[in-house]
Amino acid sequence: MPLGASKMDKILCWVNQIEPLDNISLDVFIEYHSKILSFPLGTERLQYGPDFLKQQDTQLDAVTMQYKDKPIIKCFEIKKQGASSGLKQVCFNVTGPVLFVYIHTNE
């Protein structure tokens, strides 16, 4: 989930450049991402020793457990809201759950 949150941060930036998602609260993604920024993720982990990573992983797991189901629930909320608004579906796989983002079409 931590790497997915980092990807989600980038995706939200790209989507908001196309069309702001003003009617959808994305706070759960923003909050979780802000809480994990200080942890080494991805290839950055190669710079640290196993003892340090074990300690960091314990802390990271505690933060992740606080948000466990919230991103998945939000993804389905976005999907449901988009479908009921007649918006075009754009799907992004963010390492784990699939996030469905909807953008308006001119069709």
N, C-alpha and C. Protein backbone atom coordinates (compact mmCIF):
# COMPACT_ATOMS: atom_id res chain seq x y z
N MET A 1 0.80 -1.20 0.00
CA MET A 1 0.00 0.00 0.00
C MET A 1 0.86 1.27 0.00
N PRO A 2 2.01 1.30 0.68
CA PRO A 2 2.81 2.52 0.66
C PRO A 2 3.25 2.96 -0.75
N LEU A 3 3.70 2.02 -1.57
CA LEU A 3 4.10 2.39 -2.93
C LEU A 3 2.89 2.83 -3.75
N GLY A 4 1.77 2.20 -3.52
CA GLY A 4 0.54 2.60 -4.19
C GLY A 4 0.14 4.03 -3.83
N ALA A 5 0.36 4.40 -2.58
CA ALA A 5 0.03 5.77 -2.14
C ALA A 5 0.92 6.79 -2.84
N SER A 6 2.18 6.44 -3.02
CA SER A 6 3.09 7.34 -3.74
C SER A 6 2.67 7.49 -5.19
N LYS A 7 2.28 6.38 -5.81
CA LYS A 7 1.80 6.44 -7.19
C LYS A 7 0.51 7.24 -7.27
N MET A 8 -0.35 7.05 -6.28
CA MET A 8 -1.62 7.75 -6.25
C MET A 8 -1.42 9.26 -6.18
N ASP A 9 -0.43 9.69 -5.41
CA ASP A 9 -0.13 11.11 -5.31
C ASP A 9 0.19 11.69 -6.69
N LYS A 10 0.99 10.98 -7.45
CA LYS A 10 1.34 11.42 -8.81
C LYS A 10 0.12 11.39 -9.73
N ILE A 11 -0.67 10.34 -9.64
CA ILE A 11 -1.84 10.20 -10.49
C ILE A 11 -2.83 11.33 -10.23
N LEU A 12 -3.05 11.64 -8.96
CA LEU A 12 -3.99 12.71 -8.63
C LEU A 12 -3.52 14.05 -9.18
N CYS A 13 -2.23 14.26 -9.15
CA CYS A 13 -1.66 15.48 -9.72
C CYS A 13 -1.95 15.54 -11.23
N TRP A 14 -1.75 14.43 -11.93
CA TRP A 14 -1.99 14.38 -13.37
C TRP A 14 -3.48 14.58 -13.68
N VAL A 15 -4.33 13.87 -12.94
CA VAL A 15 -5.76 13.95 -13.19
C VAL A 15 -6.26 15.37 -12.94
N ASN A 16 -5.80 16.00 -11.87
CA ASN A 16 -6.25 17.36 -11.57
C ASN A 16 -5.79 18.37 -12.61
N GLN A 17 -4.73 18.06 -13.35
CA GLN A 17 -4.31 18.93 -14.44
C GLN A 17 -5.27 18.80 -15.63
N ILE A 18 -5.87 17.63 -15.80
CA ILE A 18 -6.82 17.40 -16.88
C ILE A 18 -8.18 17.99 -16.49
N GLU A 19 -8.64 17.59 -15.32
CA GLU A 19 -9.91 18.10 -14.81
C GLU A 19 -9.94 17.91 -13.30
N PRO A 20 -10.04 19.01 -12.56
CA PRO A 20 -10.08 18.90 -11.10
C PRO A 20 -11.24 18.03 -10.62
N LEU A 21 -10.97 17.22 -9.62
CA LEU A 21 -12.00 16.35 -9.04
C LEU A 21 -12.60 17.05 -7.82
N ASP A 22 -13.24 18.17 -8.04
CA ASP A 22 -13.75 19.00 -6.96
C ASP A 22 -14.84 18.33 -6.14
N ASN A 23 -15.65 17.51 -6.76
CA ASN A 23 -16.79 16.91 -6.08
C ASN A 23 -16.47 15.59 -5.38
N ILE A 24 -15.20 15.22 -5.35
CA ILE A 24 -14.79 13.96 -4.71
C ILE A 24 -13.71 14.27 -3.68
N SER A 25 -13.94 13.87 -2.43
CA SER A 25 -12.95 14.08 -1.39
C SER A 25 -11.86 13.00 -1.50
N LEU A 26 -10.64 13.45 -1.68
CA LEU A 26 -9.50 12.54 -1.80
C LEU A 26 -8.60 12.60 -0.57
N ASP A 27 -9.14 13.10 0.51
CA ASP A 27 -8.36 13.31 1.73
C ASP A 27 -7.67 12.05 2.24
N VAL A 28 -8.32 10.90 2.12
CA VAL A 28 -7.73 9.67 2.65
C VAL A 28 -6.40 9.36 1.96
N PHE A 29 -6.32 9.60 0.65
CA PHE A 29 -5.07 9.36 -0.07
C PHE A 29 -4.01 10.38 0.33
N ILE A 30 -4.41 11.62 0.44
CA ILE A 30 -3.48 12.70 0.78
C ILE A 30 -2.95 12.53 2.20
N GLU A 31 -3.84 12.21 3.15
CA GLU A 31 -3.44 12.02 4.54
C GLU A 31 -2.46 10.85 4.68
N TYR A 32 -2.81 9.72 4.10
CA TYR A 32 -1.95 8.54 4.22
C TYR A 32 -0.58 8.82 3.59
N HIS A 33 -0.57 9.41 2.41
CA HIS A 33 0.70 9.70 1.74
C HIS A 33 1.56 10.63 2.59
N SER A 34 0.96 11.63 3.20
CA SER A 34 1.73 12.57 4.02
C SER A 34 2.33 11.89 5.26
N LYS A 35 1.66 10.86 5.77
CA LYS A 35 2.16 10.17 6.96
C LYS A 35 3.27 9.17 6.66
N ILE A 36 3.43 8.78 5.39
CA ILE A 36 4.46 7.78 5.07
C ILE A 36 5.66 8.39 4.34
N LEU A 37 5.63 9.68 4.08
CA LEU A 37 6.71 10.33 3.33
C LEU A 37 8.09 10.14 3.95
N SER A 38 8.15 10.05 5.26
CA SER A 38 9.46 9.95 5.93
C SER A 38 10.05 8.54 5.92
N PHE A 39 9.28 7.56 5.48
CA PHE A 39 9.77 6.18 5.47
C PHE A 39 10.45 5.85 4.14
N PRO A 40 11.53 5.06 4.19
CA PRO A 40 12.16 4.64 2.92
C PRO A 40 11.26 3.64 2.20
N LEU A 41 11.00 3.92 0.92
CA LEU A 41 10.13 3.06 0.12
C LEU A 41 10.82 2.72 -1.19
N GLY A 42 10.42 1.61 -1.79
CA GLY A 42 10.96 1.22 -3.09
C GLY A 42 12.46 1.00 -3.05
N THR A 43 13.14 1.44 -4.09
CA THR A 43 14.59 1.24 -4.20
C THR A 43 15.38 2.05 -3.18
N GLU A 44 14.74 3.06 -2.61
CA GLU A 44 15.39 3.85 -1.55
C GLU A 44 15.78 2.95 -0.36
N ARG A 45 15.07 1.86 -0.18
CA ARG A 45 15.34 0.94 0.92
C ARG A 45 16.71 0.28 0.80
N LEU A 46 17.25 0.22 -0.41
CA LEU A 46 18.56 -0.40 -0.62
C LEU A 46 19.68 0.35 0.08
N GLN A 47 19.44 1.57 0.48
CA GLN A 47 20.45 2.40 1.13
C GLN A 47 20.57 2.14 2.63
N TYR A 48 19.70 1.30 3.19
CA TYR A 48 19.65 1.10 4.63
C TYR A 48 19.90 -0.35 5.00
N GLY A 49 20.34 -0.53 6.23
CA GLY A 49 20.59 -1.87 6.75
C GLY A 49 19.33 -2.55 7.22
N PRO A 50 19.39 -3.87 7.39
CA PRO A 50 18.21 -4.65 7.76
C PRO A 50 17.62 -4.27 9.12
N ASP A 51 18.46 -3.94 10.10
CA ASP A 51 17.93 -3.59 11.43
C ASP A 51 17.12 -2.29 11.37
N PHE A 52 17.64 -1.30 10.66
CA PHE A 52 16.95 -0.04 10.51
C PHE A 52 15.63 -0.24 9.76
N LEU A 53 15.67 -1.04 8.70
CA LEU A 53 14.46 -1.28 7.91
C LEU A 53 13.40 -2.03 8.72
N LYS A 54 13.84 -2.95 9.56
CA LYS A 54 12.90 -3.69 10.40
C LYS A 54 12.18 -2.72 11.35
N GLN A 55 12.94 -1.81 11.92
CA GLN A 55 12.36 -0.81 12.84
C GLN A 55 11.40 0.11 12.08
N GLN A 56 11.81 0.55 10.90
CA GLN A 56 10.97 1.42 10.08
C GLN A 56 9.70 0.70 9.62
N ASP A 57 9.85 -0.57 9.26
CA ASP A 57 8.70 -1.35 8.80
C ASP A 57 7.65 -1.51 9.90
N THR A 58 8.10 -1.65 11.14
CA THR A 58 7.17 -1.76 12.27
C THR A 58 6.35 -0.49 12.38
N GLN A 59 7.02 0.66 12.27
CA GLN A 59 6.32 1.94 12.35
C GLN A 59 5.41 2.15 11.13
N LEU A 60 5.92 1.81 9.95
CA LEU A 60 5.14 1.95 8.73
C LEU A 60 3.90 1.07 8.75
N ASP A 61 4.04 -0.17 9.24
CA ASP A 61 2.90 -1.08 9.34
C ASP A 61 1.83 -0.52 10.28
N ALA A 62 2.25 0.13 11.37
CA ALA A 62 1.28 0.73 12.30
C ALA A 62 0.48 1.84 11.62
N VAL A 63 1.16 2.67 10.84
CA VAL A 63 0.47 3.74 10.10
C VAL A 63 -0.47 3.12 9.06
N THR A 64 0.03 2.14 8.34
CA THR A 64 -0.76 1.50 7.28
C THR A 64 -2.02 0.85 7.85
N MET A 65 -1.91 0.23 9.01
CA MET A 65 -3.07 -0.42 9.63
C MET A 65 -4.17 0.60 9.97
N GLN A 66 -3.79 1.84 10.27
CA GLN A 66 -4.78 2.88 10.56
C GLN A 66 -5.63 3.19 9.33
N TYR A 67 -5.05 2.99 8.16
CA TYR A 67 -5.72 3.33 6.90
C TYR A 67 -6.15 2.10 6.12
N LYS A 68 -6.00 0.93 6.70
CA LYS A 68 -6.14 -0.35 6.03
C LYS A 68 -7.20 -0.40 4.91
N ASP A 69 -8.46 -0.17 5.23
CA ASP A 69 -9.53 -0.33 4.25
C ASP A 69 -9.98 0.98 3.62
N LYS A 70 -9.56 2.10 4.16
CA LYS A 70 -10.07 3.39 3.70
C LYS A 70 -9.80 3.67 2.21
N PRO A 71 -8.59 3.40 1.69
CA PRO A 71 -8.38 3.66 0.26
C PRO A 71 -9.26 2.80 -0.64
N ILE A 72 -9.46 1.55 -0.28
CA ILE A 72 -10.29 0.66 -1.10
C ILE A 72 -11.74 1.15 -1.08
N ILE A 73 -12.23 1.51 0.10
CA ILE A 73 -13.59 2.03 0.21
C ILE A 73 -13.74 3.30 -0.63
N LYS A 74 -12.75 4.18 -0.59
CA LYS A 74 -12.79 5.42 -1.35
C LYS A 74 -12.79 5.13 -2.85
N CYS A 75 -12.01 4.14 -3.28
CA CYS A 75 -11.98 3.78 -4.70
C CYS A 75 -13.36 3.37 -5.19
N PHE A 76 -14.06 2.55 -4.41
CA PHE A 76 -15.40 2.14 -4.80
C PHE A 76 -16.38 3.30 -4.76
N GLU A 77 -16.18 4.22 -3.82
CA GLU A 77 -17.03 5.42 -3.77
C GLU A 77 -16.83 6.27 -5.03
N ILE A 78 -15.58 6.43 -5.44
CA ILE A 78 -15.27 7.18 -6.66
C ILE A 78 -15.90 6.49 -7.87
N LYS A 79 -15.76 5.17 -7.92
CA LYS A 79 -16.32 4.42 -9.03
C LYS A 79 -17.84 4.58 -9.09
N LYS A 80 -18.50 4.45 -7.94
CA LYS A 80 -19.96 4.57 -7.89
C LYS A 80 -20.40 5.98 -8.28
N GLN A 81 -19.74 6.98 -7.75
CA GLN A 81 -20.09 8.37 -8.05
C GLN A 81 -19.88 8.67 -9.52
N GLY A 82 -18.79 8.18 -10.08
CA GLY A 82 -18.52 8.40 -11.49
C GLY A 82 -19.53 7.73 -12.39
N ALA A 83 -19.89 6.51 -12.06
CA ALA A 83 -20.86 5.78 -12.89
C ALA A 83 -22.22 6.44 -12.86
N SER A 84 -22.62 6.93 -11.70
CA SER A 84 -23.94 7.57 -11.60
C SER A 84 -23.97 8.93 -12.27
N SER A 85 -22.79 9.51 -12.52
CA SER A 85 -22.72 10.81 -13.19
C SER A 85 -22.53 10.68 -14.70
N GLY A 86 -22.44 9.45 -15.20
CA GLY A 86 -22.27 9.23 -16.63
C GLY A 86 -20.89 9.65 -17.13
N LEU A 87 -19.89 9.46 -16.31
CA LEU A 87 -18.54 9.85 -16.70
C LEU A 87 -17.78 8.67 -17.29
N LYS A 88 -16.79 8.97 -18.10
CA LYS A 88 -15.96 7.95 -18.73
C LYS A 88 -15.00 7.38 -17.68
N GLN A 89 -14.81 6.09 -17.71
CA GLN A 89 -13.95 5.43 -16.73
C GLN A 89 -12.51 5.40 -17.22
N VAL A 90 -11.61 5.80 -16.34
CA VAL A 90 -10.18 5.67 -16.58
C VAL A 90 -9.63 4.89 -15.40
N CYS A 91 -8.95 3.80 -15.66
CA CYS A 91 -8.51 2.89 -14.60
C CYS A 91 -7.00 2.96 -14.42
N PHE A 92 -6.56 3.12 -13.18
CA PHE A 92 -5.14 3.11 -12.85
C PHE A 92 -4.89 2.00 -11.85
N ASN A 93 -3.92 1.16 -12.09
CA ASN A 93 -3.53 0.15 -11.13
C ASN A 93 -2.44 0.74 -10.26
N VAL A 94 -2.68 0.84 -8.97
CA VAL A 94 -1.72 1.47 -8.07
C VAL A 94 -1.17 0.46 -7.07
N THR A 95 -0.61 -0.63 -7.58
CA THR A 95 0.01 -1.65 -6.75
C THR A 95 -0.92 -2.10 -5.64
N GLY A 96 -1.76 -2.97 -5.95
CA GLY A 96 -2.72 -3.46 -5.00
C GLY A 96 -4.11 -3.20 -5.54
N PRO A 97 -4.90 -2.46 -4.77
CA PRO A 97 -6.25 -2.19 -5.27
C PRO A 97 -6.20 -1.35 -6.54
N VAL A 98 -7.18 -1.51 -7.36
CA VAL A 98 -7.28 -0.73 -8.58
C VAL A 98 -8.11 0.51 -8.27
N LEU A 99 -7.60 1.66 -8.67
CA LEU A 99 -8.33 2.89 -8.47
C LEU A 99 -9.03 3.26 -9.76
N PHE A 100 -10.30 3.51 -9.69
CA PHE A 100 -11.07 3.95 -10.85
C PHE A 100 -11.26 5.45 -10.74
N VAL A 101 -10.75 6.17 -11.69
CA VAL A 101 -10.92 7.62 -11.72
C VAL A 101 -11.77 7.95 -12.93
N TYR A 102 -12.70 8.84 -12.77
CA TYR A 102 -13.59 9.21 -13.86
C TYR A 102 -13.33 10.64 -14.30
N ILE A 103 -13.34 10.85 -15.59
CA ILE A 103 -13.20 12.20 -16.12
C ILE A 103 -14.34 12.43 -17.11
N HIS A 104 -14.76 13.68 -17.24
CA HIS A 104 -15.84 14.01 -18.18
C HIS A 104 -15.39 13.77 -19.62
N THR A 105 -16.33 13.38 -20.43
CA THR A 105 -16.06 13.26 -21.87
C THR A 105 -16.94 14.25 -22.60
N ASN A 106 -16.56 14.59 -23.80
CA ASN A 106 -17.34 15.51 -24.63
C ASN A 106 -18.30 14.75 -25.54
N GLU A 107 -18.40 13.46 -25.37
CA GLU A 107 -19.26 12.63 -26.23
C GLU A 107 -20.72 12.82 -25.89
